[in-house]
Amino acid sequence: MPKLFHLRASPRRDSASRAGADLFVARFEATHPGWDIDTLDLWHETLPEFDGAALEAKYARGAGQPFNDPQRDAFAMIERMVVRLALADRILISTPMWNFGIPYKLKHYIDLIVQPGLTFSFDPNSGYSPLLRNKPTLVIVASGSDFVTGMNRGRTDMATPYLRDVLRFIGLRDPRFVLIGPTVGAAAPAQAAREAAHRKLNEIAPGF
């Protein structure tokens, strides 16, 4: 059964990113019968810490050294997370923008899965190479400011370029972004921004 993997990074039930993702998934399900929707809610998932044996395992792997038992157990948890992502045929990420970047839960997840030998490799001669198979990837980013029209009051969107670069680094070469904003302030611009994003998401879903 083909799978859409949805990585959800907002803790708010009524968040703009969640509403956009829910609309997209509903439209996707209606136009893709038989697909499995695998949702990982980062606020209901216990992510392992990346220290101790897990950190030692990363450096042991980089040095070509065998794991001891604690390292093997710690790294196995990360390997399962990567397999869950790698098995997906489509990827959806929905996130708010926090302090111009991404929520710490999403950064935690990224720092866990971006591992040598799992999602990228390194060769002294050729440099870094991605290991994930490329697949359609959509990222929904909701922000208090308007980064769609440029009326962002001088603020900088660091979430979008970061996510684009890290996804490309592991092999997801062509991530598509839908921005929702402003989400705060006067009601009319916020409503217009949400409606415009929802129209775009409705258009994307059938061919995703």
N, C-alpha and C. Protein backbone atom coordinates (compact mmCIF):
# COMPACT_ATOMS: atom_id res chain seq x y z
N MET A 1 0.84 -1.19 0.00
CA MET A 1 0.00 0.00 0.00
C MET A 1 0.88 1.25 0.00
N PRO A 2 0.68 2.17 -0.95
CA PRO A 2 1.49 3.39 -0.95
C PRO A 2 1.19 4.25 0.27
N LYS A 3 2.17 5.06 0.66
CA LYS A 3 2.04 5.79 1.92
C LYS A 3 2.41 7.26 1.78
N LEU A 4 1.57 8.10 2.39
CA LEU A 4 1.88 9.51 2.60
C LEU A 4 2.31 9.66 4.05
N PHE A 5 3.53 10.13 4.26
CA PHE A 5 4.05 10.35 5.60
C PHE A 5 3.87 11.83 5.94
N HIS A 6 3.12 12.09 7.01
CA HIS A 6 2.85 13.46 7.44
C HIS A 6 3.58 13.74 8.75
N LEU A 7 4.53 14.65 8.70
CA LEU A 7 5.28 15.07 9.88
C LEU A 7 4.66 16.36 10.38
N ARG A 8 4.00 16.30 11.53
CA ARG A 8 3.25 17.45 12.05
C ARG A 8 4.01 18.08 13.21
N ALA A 9 4.29 19.40 13.09
CA ALA A 9 5.17 20.06 14.06
C ALA A 9 4.50 21.14 14.89
N SER A 10 3.19 21.29 14.79
CA SER A 10 2.50 22.30 15.60
C SER A 10 1.83 21.66 16.80
N PRO A 11 1.97 22.26 18.01
CA PRO A 11 1.31 21.71 19.18
C PRO A 11 -0.14 22.19 19.33
N ARG A 12 -0.57 23.13 18.49
CA ARG A 12 -1.90 23.74 18.63
C ARG A 12 -2.90 23.04 17.72
N ARG A 13 -4.03 22.65 18.30
CA ARG A 13 -5.07 21.98 17.52
C ARG A 13 -5.67 22.90 16.46
N ASP A 14 -5.73 24.21 16.76
CA ASP A 14 -6.36 25.15 15.84
C ASP A 14 -5.33 25.98 15.08
N SER A 15 -4.12 25.46 14.92
CA SER A 15 -3.07 26.22 14.24
C SER A 15 -3.34 26.31 12.74
N ALA A 16 -2.77 27.33 12.11
CA ALA A 16 -2.95 27.51 10.67
C ALA A 16 -2.26 26.41 9.88
N SER A 17 -1.09 25.98 10.34
CA SER A 17 -0.39 24.91 9.61
C SER A 17 -1.15 23.60 9.69
N ARG A 18 -1.74 23.34 10.85
CA ARG A 18 -2.51 22.11 11.02
C ARG A 18 -3.78 22.14 10.17
N ALA A 19 -4.45 23.30 10.14
CA ALA A 19 -5.67 23.42 9.33
C ALA A 19 -5.35 23.21 7.86
N GLY A 20 -4.24 23.80 7.40
CA GLY A 20 -3.85 23.61 6.01
C GLY A 20 -3.53 22.16 5.70
N ALA A 21 -2.81 21.52 6.62
CA ALA A 21 -2.45 20.11 6.42
C ALA A 21 -3.69 19.22 6.44
N ASP A 22 -4.62 19.49 7.34
CA ASP A 22 -5.85 18.68 7.41
C ASP A 22 -6.64 18.79 6.11
N LEU A 23 -6.72 20.01 5.57
CA LEU A 23 -7.43 20.21 4.31
C LEU A 23 -6.71 19.45 3.18
N PHE A 24 -5.39 19.56 3.15
CA PHE A 24 -4.63 18.88 2.10
C PHE A 24 -4.80 17.37 2.20
N VAL A 25 -4.69 16.82 3.40
CA VAL A 25 -4.79 15.37 3.57
C VAL A 25 -6.18 14.88 3.17
N ALA A 26 -7.22 15.63 3.53
CA ALA A 26 -8.58 15.24 3.17
C ALA A 26 -8.74 15.21 1.65
N ARG A 27 -8.21 16.21 0.97
CA ARG A 27 -8.28 16.25 -0.49
C ARG A 27 -7.42 15.15 -1.10
N PHE A 28 -6.28 14.89 -0.51
CA PHE A 28 -5.39 13.83 -1.00
C PHE A 28 -6.08 12.46 -0.88
N GLU A 29 -6.69 12.19 0.28
CA GLU A 29 -7.37 10.91 0.48
C GLU A 29 -8.51 10.73 -0.52
N ALA A 30 -9.22 11.83 -0.80
CA ALA A 30 -10.35 11.75 -1.73
C ALA A 30 -9.91 11.44 -3.15
N THR A 31 -8.69 11.82 -3.49
CA THR A 31 -8.20 11.64 -4.86
C THR A 31 -7.15 10.53 -4.97
N HIS A 32 -6.81 9.92 -3.84
CA HIS A 32 -5.84 8.82 -3.84
C HIS A 32 -6.39 7.64 -3.02
N PRO A 33 -7.44 7.00 -3.49
CA PRO A 33 -7.99 5.87 -2.73
C PRO A 33 -6.96 4.76 -2.57
N GLY A 34 -6.96 4.15 -1.40
CA GLY A 34 -6.05 3.03 -1.14
C GLY A 34 -4.73 3.43 -0.55
N TRP A 35 -4.48 4.75 -0.36
CA TRP A 35 -3.23 5.19 0.24
C TRP A 35 -3.33 5.18 1.76
N ASP A 36 -2.21 4.86 2.39
CA ASP A 36 -2.10 4.91 3.84
C ASP A 36 -1.56 6.28 4.25
N ILE A 37 -2.18 6.89 5.26
CA ILE A 37 -1.71 8.17 5.79
C ILE A 37 -1.03 7.89 7.13
N ASP A 38 0.27 8.06 7.16
CA ASP A 38 1.07 7.81 8.37
C ASP A 38 1.46 9.16 8.98
N THR A 39 0.81 9.51 10.09
CA THR A 39 1.05 10.81 10.72
C THR A 39 1.93 10.67 11.95
N LEU A 40 3.02 11.42 11.96
CA LEU A 40 3.89 11.49 13.13
C LEU A 40 3.73 12.87 13.74
N ASP A 41 3.04 12.94 14.86
CA ASP A 41 2.84 14.20 15.58
C ASP A 41 4.00 14.37 16.56
N LEU A 42 4.85 15.32 16.31
CA LEU A 42 6.06 15.48 17.12
C LEU A 42 5.77 15.84 18.56
N TRP A 43 4.56 16.29 18.84
CA TRP A 43 4.20 16.67 20.22
C TRP A 43 3.56 15.52 20.97
N HIS A 44 3.38 14.40 20.29
CA HIS A 44 2.87 13.20 20.95
C HIS A 44 3.83 12.03 20.78
N GLU A 45 5.02 12.34 20.30
CA GLU A 45 6.04 11.32 20.07
C GLU A 45 7.20 11.56 21.04
N THR A 46 7.69 10.50 21.66
CA THR A 46 8.85 10.63 22.54
C THR A 46 10.11 10.40 21.71
N LEU A 47 10.78 11.51 21.36
CA LEU A 47 12.00 11.41 20.58
C LEU A 47 13.18 11.12 21.50
N PRO A 48 14.06 10.23 21.11
CA PRO A 48 15.22 9.94 21.96
C PRO A 48 16.17 11.13 22.00
N GLU A 49 16.86 11.27 23.11
CA GLU A 49 17.90 12.29 23.20
C GLU A 49 19.08 11.87 22.34
N PHE A 50 19.77 12.87 21.80
CA PHE A 50 20.94 12.54 20.99
C PHE A 50 22.20 12.85 21.79
N ASP A 51 22.47 11.97 22.72
CA ASP A 51 23.66 12.10 23.56
C ASP A 51 24.11 10.70 23.95
N GLY A 52 25.10 10.61 24.81
CA GLY A 52 25.52 9.31 25.30
C GLY A 52 25.82 8.32 24.20
N ALA A 53 25.18 7.15 24.29
CA ALA A 53 25.47 6.06 23.36
C ALA A 53 25.09 6.41 21.92
N ALA A 54 24.01 7.18 21.74
CA ALA A 54 23.60 7.55 20.38
C ALA A 54 24.66 8.42 19.72
N LEU A 55 25.16 9.40 20.45
CA LEU A 55 26.20 10.28 19.92
C LEU A 55 27.50 9.50 19.66
N GLU A 56 27.83 8.60 20.59
CA GLU A 56 29.02 7.78 20.41
C GLU A 56 28.89 6.89 19.17
N ALA A 57 27.67 6.40 18.93
CA ALA A 57 27.43 5.55 17.77
C ALA A 57 27.66 6.31 16.47
N LYS A 58 27.26 7.56 16.44
CA LYS A 58 27.47 8.36 15.24
C LYS A 58 28.96 8.46 14.90
N TYR A 59 29.76 8.75 15.91
CA TYR A 59 31.19 8.90 15.66
C TYR A 59 31.87 7.56 15.41
N ALA A 60 31.38 6.50 16.04
CA ALA A 60 31.92 5.17 15.75
C ALA A 60 31.63 4.79 14.31
N ARG A 61 30.42 5.10 13.85
CA ARG A 61 30.06 4.79 12.47
C ARG A 61 30.93 5.57 11.50
N GLY A 62 31.14 6.85 11.80
CA GLY A 62 31.97 7.68 10.94
C GLY A 62 33.40 7.20 10.86
N ALA A 63 33.88 6.59 11.95
CA ALA A 63 35.26 6.09 11.99
C ALA A 63 35.37 4.64 11.52
N GLY A 64 34.24 4.04 11.15
CA GLY A 64 34.26 2.66 10.69
C GLY A 64 34.47 1.65 11.80
N GLN A 65 34.11 2.03 13.03
CA GLN A 65 34.30 1.14 14.17
C GLN A 65 32.98 0.42 14.50
N PRO A 66 33.05 -0.80 15.01
CA PRO A 66 31.83 -1.53 15.36
C PRO A 66 31.16 -0.92 16.59
N PHE A 67 29.84 -1.07 16.66
CA PHE A 67 29.08 -0.59 17.82
C PHE A 67 29.24 -1.54 18.99
N ASN A 68 29.25 -1.00 20.19
CA ASN A 68 29.05 -1.84 21.36
C ASN A 68 27.53 -1.97 21.56
N ASP A 69 27.10 -2.75 22.55
CA ASP A 69 25.67 -3.02 22.72
C ASP A 69 24.85 -1.75 22.98
N PRO A 70 25.26 -0.86 23.90
CA PRO A 70 24.48 0.36 24.11
C PRO A 70 24.40 1.23 22.85
N GLN A 71 25.48 1.31 22.10
CA GLN A 71 25.47 2.10 20.87
C GLN A 71 24.53 1.48 19.84
N ARG A 72 24.56 0.16 19.75
CA ARG A 72 23.70 -0.52 18.78
C ARG A 72 22.22 -0.29 19.12
N ASP A 73 21.88 -0.38 20.39
CA ASP A 73 20.49 -0.18 20.79
C ASP A 73 20.05 1.26 20.54
N ALA A 74 20.92 2.22 20.86
CA ALA A 74 20.57 3.63 20.68
C ALA A 74 20.41 3.97 19.20
N PHE A 75 21.31 3.46 18.38
CA PHE A 75 21.26 3.78 16.96
C PHE A 75 20.11 3.07 16.27
N ALA A 76 19.70 1.93 16.80
CA ALA A 76 18.58 1.20 16.22
C ALA A 76 17.29 2.02 16.28
N MET A 77 17.12 2.80 17.34
CA MET A 77 15.93 3.67 17.45
C MET A 77 15.93 4.70 16.33
N ILE A 78 17.09 5.25 16.04
CA ILE A 78 17.20 6.25 14.98
C ILE A 78 17.00 5.59 13.62
N GLU A 79 17.53 4.40 13.45
CA GLU A 79 17.35 3.68 12.18
C GLU A 79 15.88 3.43 11.89
N ARG A 80 15.09 3.10 12.93
CA ARG A 80 13.66 2.87 12.72
C ARG A 80 12.95 4.14 12.29
N MET A 81 13.38 5.28 12.83
CA MET A 81 12.80 6.56 12.43
C MET A 81 13.09 6.85 10.96
N VAL A 82 14.31 6.57 10.53
CA VAL A 82 14.69 6.82 9.14
C VAL A 82 13.93 5.87 8.20
N VAL A 83 13.78 4.63 8.59
CA VAL A 83 13.05 3.66 7.76
C VAL A 83 11.61 4.12 7.57
N ARG A 84 11.00 4.62 8.63
CA ARG A 84 9.61 5.10 8.54
C ARG A 84 9.50 6.22 7.50
N LEU A 85 10.48 7.10 7.49
CA LEU A 85 10.50 8.19 6.51
C LEU A 85 10.82 7.66 5.12
N ALA A 86 11.81 6.78 5.02
CA ALA A 86 12.28 6.30 3.73
C ALA A 86 11.23 5.46 3.00
N LEU A 87 10.37 4.77 3.74
CA LEU A 87 9.36 3.92 3.12
C LEU A 87 8.20 4.70 2.53
N ALA A 88 8.10 5.98 2.87
CA ALA A 88 6.99 6.79 2.36
C ALA A 88 7.16 7.06 0.87
N ASP A 89 6.03 7.14 0.17
CA ASP A 89 6.03 7.49 -1.25
C ASP A 89 5.83 8.98 -1.46
N ARG A 90 5.24 9.64 -0.49
CA ARG A 90 5.05 11.08 -0.50
C ARG A 90 5.30 11.59 0.92
N ILE A 91 5.78 12.83 1.03
CA ILE A 91 6.07 13.39 2.35
C ILE A 91 5.40 14.75 2.47
N LEU A 92 4.71 14.95 3.60
CA LEU A 92 4.10 16.23 3.94
C LEU A 92 4.65 16.67 5.29
N ILE A 93 5.14 17.89 5.35
CA ILE A 93 5.60 18.48 6.61
C ILE A 93 4.77 19.73 6.85
N SER A 94 4.15 19.82 8.02
CA SER A 94 3.39 21.02 8.37
C SER A 94 3.96 21.60 9.65
N THR A 95 4.29 22.88 9.62
CA THR A 95 4.98 23.48 10.76
C THR A 95 4.67 24.96 10.89
N PRO A 96 4.62 25.47 12.10
CA PRO A 96 4.61 26.92 12.27
C PRO A 96 6.04 27.45 12.18
N MET A 97 6.14 28.74 12.03
CA MET A 97 7.44 29.40 12.13
C MET A 97 7.54 29.97 13.53
N TRP A 98 8.61 29.61 14.23
CA TRP A 98 8.84 30.12 15.58
C TRP A 98 10.13 30.93 15.57
N ASN A 99 10.03 32.19 15.97
CA ASN A 99 11.23 33.03 16.07
C ASN A 99 12.05 32.99 14.80
N PHE A 100 11.37 33.09 13.66
CA PHE A 100 11.95 33.13 12.32
C PHE A 100 12.42 31.77 11.83
N GLY A 101 12.43 30.75 12.69
CA GLY A 101 12.90 29.43 12.31
C GLY A 101 11.82 28.38 12.55
N ILE A 102 12.23 27.17 12.93
CA ILE A 102 11.29 26.07 13.12
C ILE A 102 11.21 25.70 14.60
N PRO A 103 10.13 25.06 15.03
CA PRO A 103 10.01 24.62 16.42
C PRO A 103 11.12 23.64 16.80
N TYR A 104 11.50 23.67 18.06
CA TYR A 104 12.61 22.83 18.51
C TYR A 104 12.31 21.35 18.36
N LYS A 105 11.06 20.96 18.40
CA LYS A 105 10.72 19.55 18.21
C LYS A 105 11.06 19.09 16.79
N LEU A 106 10.80 19.95 15.82
CA LEU A 106 11.12 19.60 14.44
C LEU A 106 12.64 19.57 14.24
N LYS A 107 13.34 20.51 14.84
CA LYS A 107 14.81 20.51 14.75
C LYS A 107 15.38 19.25 15.40
N HIS A 108 14.80 18.84 16.53
CA HIS A 108 15.22 17.61 17.22
C HIS A 108 15.07 16.42 16.28
N TYR A 109 13.93 16.32 15.62
CA TYR A 109 13.69 15.21 14.70
C TYR A 109 14.73 15.21 13.57
N ILE A 110 14.97 16.39 13.00
CA ILE A 110 15.93 16.49 11.90
C ILE A 110 17.33 16.09 12.36
N ASP A 111 17.72 16.55 13.55
CA ASP A 111 19.05 16.22 14.05
C ASP A 111 19.21 14.72 14.32
N LEU A 112 18.10 14.04 14.57
CA LEU A 112 18.16 12.60 14.78
C LEU A 112 18.31 11.84 13.47
N ILE A 113 17.57 12.24 12.45
CA ILE A 113 17.54 11.43 11.22
C ILE A 113 18.66 11.77 10.24
N VAL A 114 19.25 12.95 10.37
CA VAL A 114 20.35 13.29 9.45
C VAL A 114 21.62 12.67 9.99
N GLN A 115 21.86 11.44 9.57
CA GLN A 115 22.95 10.64 10.10
C GLN A 115 23.77 10.02 8.97
N PRO A 116 25.09 9.94 9.14
CA PRO A 116 25.92 9.28 8.14
C PRO A 116 25.56 7.81 8.01
N GLY A 117 25.49 7.35 6.79
CA GLY A 117 25.15 5.96 6.54
C GLY A 117 23.67 5.68 6.52
N LEU A 118 22.86 6.64 6.97
CA LEU A 118 21.41 6.47 6.96
C LEU A 118 20.75 7.39 5.94
N THR A 119 21.04 8.68 6.02
CA THR A 119 20.42 9.63 5.10
C THR A 119 21.45 10.38 4.25
N PHE A 120 22.72 10.25 4.59
CA PHE A 120 23.76 10.83 3.74
C PHE A 120 25.05 10.05 3.93
N SER A 121 25.95 10.21 2.97
CA SER A 121 27.28 9.60 3.07
C SER A 121 28.32 10.67 2.81
N PHE A 122 29.55 10.37 3.20
CA PHE A 122 30.65 11.31 2.98
C PHE A 122 31.85 10.57 2.44
N ASP A 123 32.42 11.12 1.39
CA ASP A 123 33.65 10.59 0.81
C ASP A 123 34.66 11.73 0.74
N PRO A 124 35.88 11.51 1.23
CA PRO A 124 36.87 12.59 1.23
C PRO A 124 37.13 13.17 -0.15
N ASN A 125 36.94 12.36 -1.19
CA ASN A 125 37.20 12.83 -2.54
C ASN A 125 36.00 13.50 -3.20
N SER A 126 34.83 12.90 -2.99
CA SER A 126 33.63 13.42 -3.67
C SER A 126 32.73 14.27 -2.77
N GLY A 127 32.96 14.22 -1.45
CA GLY A 127 32.16 15.03 -0.53
C GLY A 127 30.90 14.32 -0.07
N TYR A 128 29.84 15.08 0.17
CA TYR A 128 28.60 14.54 0.72
C TYR A 128 27.66 14.07 -0.40
N SER A 129 26.94 12.99 -0.12
CA SER A 129 25.94 12.47 -1.06
C SER A 129 24.68 12.08 -0.29
N PRO A 130 23.50 12.41 -0.82
CA PRO A 130 22.25 12.01 -0.16
C PRO A 130 21.99 10.53 -0.36
N LEU A 131 21.29 9.92 0.60
CA LEU A 131 21.00 8.49 0.52
C LEU A 131 19.52 8.17 0.38
N LEU A 132 18.63 9.13 0.65
CA LEU A 132 17.21 8.86 0.49
C LEU A 132 16.81 8.95 -0.97
N ARG A 133 15.86 8.11 -1.34
CA ARG A 133 15.27 8.19 -2.68
C ARG A 133 14.42 9.45 -2.78
N ASN A 134 14.60 10.19 -3.86
CA ASN A 134 13.79 11.40 -4.04
C ASN A 134 12.32 11.04 -4.19
N LYS A 135 11.46 11.86 -3.63
CA LYS A 135 10.01 11.64 -3.72
C LYS A 135 9.31 12.98 -3.55
N PRO A 136 8.09 13.13 -4.05
CA PRO A 136 7.38 14.39 -3.89
C PRO A 136 7.26 14.78 -2.41
N THR A 137 7.64 16.01 -2.11
CA THR A 137 7.66 16.51 -0.74
C THR A 137 7.02 17.89 -0.70
N LEU A 138 6.08 18.06 0.21
CA LEU A 138 5.39 19.33 0.38
C LEU A 138 5.58 19.82 1.80
N VAL A 139 5.91 21.10 1.94
CA VAL A 139 6.10 21.70 3.26
C VAL A 139 5.14 22.87 3.41
N ILE A 140 4.33 22.83 4.46
CA ILE A 140 3.41 23.93 4.79
C ILE A 140 4.01 24.68 5.95
N VAL A 141 4.25 25.99 5.78
CA VAL A 141 4.83 26.82 6.83
C VAL A 141 3.87 27.97 7.12
N ALA A 142 3.39 28.04 8.35
CA ALA A 142 2.51 29.13 8.78
C ALA A 142 3.29 30.11 9.64
N SER A 143 3.10 31.40 9.38
CA SER A 143 3.86 32.41 10.10
C SER A 143 2.98 33.60 10.46
N GLY A 144 3.35 34.26 11.55
CA GLY A 144 2.62 35.46 11.95
C GLY A 144 2.75 36.57 10.94
N SER A 145 3.91 36.68 10.30
CA SER A 145 4.14 37.70 9.28
C SER A 145 3.82 37.17 7.89
N ASP A 146 3.76 38.08 6.94
CA ASP A 146 3.44 37.75 5.56
C ASP A 146 4.73 37.61 4.75
N PHE A 147 5.14 36.36 4.51
CA PHE A 147 6.33 36.12 3.71
C PHE A 147 5.98 35.74 2.28
N VAL A 148 4.70 35.84 1.94
CA VAL A 148 4.25 35.53 0.59
C VAL A 148 4.39 36.76 -0.30
N THR A 149 3.88 37.89 0.15
CA THR A 149 3.90 39.11 -0.66
C THR A 149 5.10 39.99 -0.34
N GLY A 150 5.83 39.66 0.71
CA GLY A 150 6.97 40.48 1.10
C GLY A 150 6.66 41.51 2.16
N MET A 151 5.39 41.58 2.57
CA MET A 151 5.01 42.53 3.62
C MET A 151 5.29 41.92 4.99
N ASN A 152 6.56 41.72 5.28
CA ASN A 152 6.95 41.00 6.49
C ASN A 152 7.52 41.90 7.57
N ARG A 153 7.38 43.21 7.40
CA ARG A 153 7.83 44.18 8.40
C ARG A 153 9.32 44.02 8.74
N GLY A 154 10.11 43.67 7.75
CA GLY A 154 11.54 43.56 7.95
C GLY A 154 12.03 42.28 8.57
N ARG A 155 11.13 41.35 8.84
CA ARG A 155 11.53 40.07 9.45
C ARG A 155 12.08 39.13 8.39
N THR A 156 12.84 38.13 8.82
CA THR A 156 13.50 37.19 7.90
C THR A 156 12.96 35.79 8.09
N ASP A 157 12.58 35.16 7.00
CA ASP A 157 12.15 33.77 7.00
C ASP A 157 13.38 32.88 6.93
N MET A 158 13.77 32.30 8.06
CA MET A 158 14.90 31.36 8.06
C MET A 158 14.43 29.91 8.04
N ALA A 159 13.12 29.71 8.21
CA ALA A 159 12.59 28.35 8.22
C ALA A 159 12.61 27.73 6.82
N THR A 160 12.14 28.48 5.84
CA THR A 160 12.02 27.94 4.49
C THR A 160 13.37 27.55 3.89
N PRO A 161 14.36 28.45 3.87
CA PRO A 161 15.66 28.03 3.29
C PRO A 161 16.33 26.91 4.06
N TYR A 162 16.18 26.90 5.39
CA TYR A 162 16.78 25.82 6.17
C TYR A 162 16.16 24.47 5.79
N LEU A 163 14.82 24.42 5.79
CA LEU A 163 14.15 23.16 5.47
C LEU A 163 14.45 22.73 4.04
N ARG A 164 14.49 23.67 3.10
CA ARG A 164 14.80 23.31 1.72
C ARG A 164 16.20 22.69 1.63
N ASP A 165 17.16 23.31 2.29
CA ASP A 165 18.53 22.82 2.20
C ASP A 165 18.71 21.47 2.88
N VAL A 166 18.13 21.30 4.07
CA VAL A 166 18.34 20.04 4.78
C VAL A 166 17.62 18.89 4.08
N LEU A 167 16.45 19.17 3.49
CA LEU A 167 15.74 18.12 2.75
C LEU A 167 16.53 17.72 1.50
N ARG A 168 17.08 18.70 0.81
CA ARG A 168 17.90 18.39 -0.36
C ARG A 168 19.15 17.62 0.05
N PHE A 169 19.69 17.93 1.20
CA PHE A 169 20.92 17.29 1.67
C PHE A 169 20.73 15.78 1.83
N ILE A 170 19.53 15.35 2.24
CA ILE A 170 19.30 13.93 2.46
C ILE A 170 18.66 13.24 1.26
N GLY A 171 18.37 14.00 0.19
CA GLY A 171 17.89 13.37 -1.03
C GLY A 171 16.53 13.81 -1.53
N LEU A 172 15.81 14.62 -0.76
CA LEU A 172 14.50 15.10 -1.19
C LEU A 172 14.73 16.40 -1.96
N ARG A 173 14.99 16.25 -3.25
CA ARG A 173 15.63 17.31 -4.02
C ARG A 173 14.72 18.48 -4.38
N ASP A 174 13.42 18.24 -4.46
CA ASP A 174 12.52 19.28 -4.97
C ASP A 174 11.36 19.55 -4.03
N PRO A 175 11.63 19.92 -2.79
CA PRO A 175 10.51 20.20 -1.87
C PRO A 175 9.72 21.41 -2.33
N ARG A 176 8.42 21.30 -2.24
CA ARG A 176 7.52 22.39 -2.61
C ARG A 176 7.00 23.04 -1.34
N PHE A 177 6.91 24.35 -1.32
CA PHE A 177 6.50 25.07 -0.12
C PHE A 177 5.20 25.83 -0.36
N VAL A 178 4.31 25.77 0.63
CA VAL A 178 3.12 26.61 0.67
C VAL A 178 3.18 27.39 1.96
N LEU A 179 3.25 28.71 1.86
CA LEU A 179 3.34 29.57 3.02
C LEU A 179 1.97 30.13 3.37
N ILE A 180 1.68 30.18 4.66
CA ILE A 180 0.43 30.75 5.16
C ILE A 180 0.78 31.91 6.08
N GLY A 181 0.42 33.11 5.70
CA GLY A 181 0.71 34.25 6.55
C GLY A 181 0.30 35.55 5.90
N PRO A 182 -0.11 36.51 6.70
CA PRO A 182 0.00 36.54 8.16
C PRO A 182 -1.11 35.72 8.82
N THR A 183 -0.79 35.20 9.99
CA THR A 183 -1.79 34.48 10.78
C THR A 183 -2.24 35.27 12.00
N VAL A 184 -1.63 36.42 12.24
CA VAL A 184 -2.00 37.28 13.37
C VAL A 184 -2.22 38.69 12.84
N GLY A 185 -2.83 39.52 13.70
CA GLY A 185 -3.08 40.90 13.30
C GLY A 185 -4.50 41.06 12.81
N ALA A 186 -4.69 41.99 11.88
CA ALA A 186 -6.03 42.28 11.36
C ALA A 186 -6.66 41.03 10.76
N ALA A 187 -7.97 40.88 11.00
CA ALA A 187 -8.66 39.66 10.59
C ALA A 187 -8.70 39.48 9.07
N ALA A 188 -8.92 40.56 8.33
CA ALA A 188 -9.10 40.43 6.88
C ALA A 188 -7.86 39.91 6.17
N PRO A 189 -6.66 40.47 6.42
CA PRO A 189 -5.46 39.91 5.76
C PRO A 189 -5.18 38.46 6.16
N ALA A 190 -5.41 38.13 7.44
CA ALA A 190 -5.16 36.76 7.90
C ALA A 190 -6.11 35.79 7.22
N GLN A 191 -7.38 36.17 7.10
CA GLN A 191 -8.35 35.31 6.44
C GLN A 191 -8.03 35.16 4.96
N ALA A 192 -7.62 36.24 4.33
CA ALA A 192 -7.27 36.18 2.90
C ALA A 192 -6.06 35.27 2.67
N ALA A 193 -5.09 35.37 3.56
CA ALA A 193 -3.89 34.54 3.43
C ALA A 193 -4.23 33.06 3.59
N ARG A 194 -5.08 32.75 4.56
CA ARG A 194 -5.47 31.36 4.78
C ARG A 194 -6.24 30.82 3.58
N GLU A 195 -7.16 31.62 3.06
CA GLU A 195 -7.96 31.17 1.93
C GLU A 195 -7.08 30.95 0.68
N ALA A 196 -6.12 31.84 0.46
CA ALA A 196 -5.24 31.69 -0.69
C ALA A 196 -4.40 30.42 -0.57
N ALA A 197 -3.88 30.16 0.62
CA ALA A 197 -3.08 28.95 0.83
C ALA A 197 -3.94 27.71 0.67
N HIS A 198 -5.15 27.74 1.18
CA HIS A 198 -6.03 26.58 1.07
C HIS A 198 -6.39 26.29 -0.38
N ARG A 199 -6.59 27.33 -1.17
CA ARG A 199 -6.87 27.10 -2.59
C ARG A 199 -5.68 26.41 -3.26
N LYS A 200 -4.49 26.87 -2.94
CA LYS A 200 -3.29 26.27 -3.52
C LYS A 200 -3.14 24.81 -3.09
N LEU A 201 -3.40 24.52 -1.81
CA LEU A 201 -3.27 23.16 -1.31
C LEU A 201 -4.31 22.25 -1.97
N ASN A 202 -5.52 22.76 -2.18
CA ASN A 202 -6.55 21.99 -2.87
C ASN A 202 -6.14 21.67 -4.31
N GLU A 203 -5.42 22.60 -4.93
CA GLU A 203 -4.97 22.40 -6.29
C GLU A 203 -3.84 21.39 -6.37
N ILE A 204 -2.97 21.41 -5.39
CA ILE A 204 -1.78 20.53 -5.40
C ILE A 204 -2.15 19.07 -5.11
N ALA A 205 -3.06 18.85 -4.17
CA ALA A 205 -3.33 17.51 -3.64
C ALA A 205 -3.63 16.45 -4.70
N PRO A 206 -4.51 16.70 -5.68
CA PRO A 206 -4.85 15.62 -6.63
C PRO A 206 -3.65 15.08 -7.41
N GLY A 207 -2.69 15.95 -7.73
CA GLY A 207 -1.55 15.50 -8.53
C GLY A 207 -0.31 15.21 -7.71
N PHE A 208 -0.44 15.21 -6.39
CA PHE A 208 0.72 15.02 -5.53
C PHE A 208 1.09 13.55 -5.42
